[in-house]
Amino acid sequence: MAEVQKIGFDHNQVTEALVKQAGIHEGIWALYMEFGIAAANVASGPSDTYNPAAIIPVVKIGLERTDKQSNLSVDAAKVNPLVRIKNPNTQKKR
């Protein structure tokens, strides 16, 4: 059997993982990316011909709070609910 070479995630899955990693438990959060821009002369094929080209790297991937649900967002209360553990020492004795 062939070894898996790629595992893909949709935007919601990435957003959900980032919400959990950040420890966020409330609000609607959307995926965002910051891009940079650079330029270089690159060869377009096996010939020695170079062309100016734009390079647009992904500089940062993050979360931003939003008011609207979309294919880029998740509700943190649903995907990462705050779990409260009852402390038996705080219960009243009879």
Protein backbone atom coordinates (compact mmCIF):
# COMPACT_ATOMS: atom_id res chain seq x y z
CA MET A 1 0.00 0.00 0.00
CA ALA A 2 1.28 3.46 -0.91
CA GLU A 3 2.34 5.82 1.85
CA VAL A 4 0.18 8.92 2.28
CA GLN A 5 2.01 11.91 0.81
CA LYS A 6 -0.52 14.70 1.47
CA ILE A 7 -3.23 15.43 3.99
CA GLY A 8 -5.54 18.32 3.15
CA PHE A 9 -7.72 20.46 5.40
CA ASP A 10 -10.51 22.86 4.46
CA HIS A 11 -10.65 26.40 5.85
CA ASN A 12 -13.04 25.51 8.68
CA GLN A 13 -10.79 22.68 9.85
CA VAL A 14 -7.77 25.00 9.97
CA THR A 15 -9.80 27.68 11.78
CA GLU A 16 -11.08 25.12 14.31
CA ALA A 17 -7.56 23.84 15.00
CA LEU A 18 -6.26 27.39 15.53
CA VAL A 19 -9.16 28.24 17.88
CA LYS A 20 -8.37 25.16 19.96
CA GLN A 21 -4.63 25.88 19.93
CA ALA A 22 -5.25 29.46 21.08
CA GLY A 23 -7.59 28.31 23.87
CA ILE A 24 -10.51 30.41 22.60
CA HIS A 25 -13.93 29.40 23.96
CA GLU A 26 -16.32 32.11 22.75
CA GLY A 27 -17.10 34.22 19.72
CA ILE A 28 -17.01 33.67 15.99
CA TRP A 29 -13.48 33.53 14.62
CA ALA A 30 -12.36 33.56 10.98
CA LEU A 31 -9.16 32.49 9.30
CA TYR A 32 -7.01 35.28 7.93
CA MET A 33 -3.69 35.44 6.10
CA GLU A 34 -1.18 38.21 5.69
CA PHE A 35 0.72 38.30 2.42
CA GLY A 36 3.98 39.95 1.50
CA ILE A 37 5.30 40.88 -1.91
CA ALA A 38 8.73 40.59 -3.44
CA ALA A 39 10.17 40.61 -6.92
CA ALA A 40 12.83 38.57 -8.66
CA ASN A 41 14.04 37.74 -12.11
CA VAL A 42 13.19 34.13 -12.85
CA ALA A 43 13.75 31.81 -15.76
CA SER A 44 10.53 30.72 -17.38
CA GLY A 45 11.85 27.46 -18.75
CA PRO A 46 14.96 25.60 -19.83
CA SER A 47 16.21 28.59 -21.84
CA ASP A 48 18.33 31.33 -20.32
CA THR A 49 15.54 33.89 -20.73
CA TYR A 50 14.67 35.67 -17.50
CA ASN A 51 11.53 37.61 -16.71
CA PRO A 52 10.64 39.89 -13.82
CA ALA A 53 8.20 38.11 -11.51
CA ALA A 54 6.20 38.87 -8.40
CA ILE A 55 6.55 36.55 -5.41
CA ILE A 56 3.71 36.64 -2.90
CA PRO A 57 4.62 34.71 0.24
CA VAL A 58 2.19 33.91 3.04
CA VAL A 59 3.74 35.85 5.93
CA LYS A 60 1.28 35.03 8.71
CA ILE A 61 -1.76 32.82 9.26
CA GLY A 62 -4.09 33.75 12.09
CA LEU A 63 -7.56 34.32 13.47
CA GLU A 64 -9.72 37.41 13.56
CA ARG A 65 -12.95 37.85 15.47
CA THR A 66 -15.99 38.46 13.30
CA ASP A 67 -19.76 38.78 13.63
CA LYS A 68 -20.68 36.59 10.68
CA GLN A 69 -20.42 32.86 10.05
CA SER A 70 -18.81 31.88 6.74
CA ASN A 71 -16.79 29.08 5.21
CA LEU A 72 -13.72 30.66 6.87
CA SER A 73 -15.14 30.93 10.39
CA VAL A 74 -16.19 28.80 13.35
CA ASP A 75 -18.12 29.44 16.55
CA ALA A 76 -15.59 28.82 19.32
CA ALA A 77 -18.33 27.95 21.83
CA LYS A 78 -19.35 25.03 19.59
CA VAL A 79 -15.96 23.72 18.44
CA ASN A 80 -14.05 24.36 21.68
CA PRO A 81 -16.53 24.60 24.57
CA LEU A 82 -15.23 25.56 27.98
CA VAL A 83 -15.35 22.46 30.17
CA ARG A 84 -15.94 23.12 33.84
CA ILE A 85 -14.85 20.43 36.25
CA LYS A 86 -16.70 20.24 39.55
CA ASN A 87 -14.46 20.28 42.56
CA PRO A 88 -15.77 17.81 45.16
CA ASN A 89 -14.17 19.86 47.94
CA THR A 90 -16.42 22.84 47.21
CA GLN A 91 -19.69 20.93 47.66
CA LYS A 92 -21.68 21.68 50.79
CA LYS A 93 -21.58 19.11 53.53
CA ARG A 94 -24.86 17.93 55.08
